[in-house]
Amino acid sequence: MSSVESISIRSEEFRLGKPPRPSHPGGLLVLLSMELRKLKGSSFWWMALGMIALVSAWSGLAFMKRAESANPATRTVALAQGEIFQTVGLLAPILAALLTSRLAVMESSERMDLKWRSLGQSATGRFLAKLVVTGCVISLCFVIPLACIPLSASAQGFHLDGSLAEYILLPALIACFSSMAVTAIQLALSLTIERQAIGLGLGVIAGLIGTGLGPINMPALGWFFPAGISSAASPFLFSASSDGFARMTLVANPWPKVLTSLLAYIIWSGISALIVKVKESGR
């Protein structure tokens, strides 16, 4: 087919209101590459680095405070790790709301949404590319301290029950899946609601609710919304020792919680992608 015929066919499709076909075949990797190039040199990465540094600094200071204690009951790897893990439910929705809001503002202000549609890129593909980029950033905010704290605690002589690898891997996996699920729903809100303040407000409310399910002994409710996944799938058991100090241990078989959190992430990502697709088709 000649270039003249191709242009003629595309002009006819445009006149009839048909969606444009992609001029070059591209999957998720192509969209991901385009998304990264679009964000090159933007304030998005400064926000991401600031979030990672903020959570890591807070976690480090909390651990330093824990390390100053001379009581053996409080110098355990599980307790130090559990304190950091509890911040996922509170901070992940807020950080995701801020980052996805910035991404949506860049998308609309630079007319990138029109450019993607003119290239024939699907709404679902664009959403998944944004989810990978933003979700990885939010996950790193928690995975980095969750990986470093057990190593630091073990090096400083904190008591360890079980395998150090489990204390690093299990909370990090659940935090990653929970962060990705939260990012998916916040990204859908940012891309479909013009007033970004609504998504930010919902992120704050979700964080407060998600982190409050554990203290009120209702963590199972967390399976019904993304911000509560970390509470519902928490691999830690909380109890009080005979001297009145808090005590945390890993559950006997935490892998079902890990797999369930993965399933919850897949479900919420699918729901979020469907919301974006329906909104896009309505334009």
Foldseek 3Di string as FASTA:
>chain_A
DDPVVVVVVQVVCVVVVHFDAAPDDDALVVLLVVLVVLCPPHCLVVLLVVLLVVLLVVLVVVLVVLLVDPDLQSLALQNSLVVLLLCLLQVLLLSLLVNLLVVLVSCVVVVVVVVCRNNVHALLSNLVSVLVVSLVSSLSSRLVSQQVSLVVSVVSPRHYDDDSVCSNPLSSLLSSLLSSLSNLQSNLCSNQPVPSVVSNVVSNVSSVVLSCCVVVVNLCCLLVGSSSLSSVLPQWDWDADPVGHIHIDGDPDSVVSSVSSNVSSVVSNVVSSVSSNVSVVVD
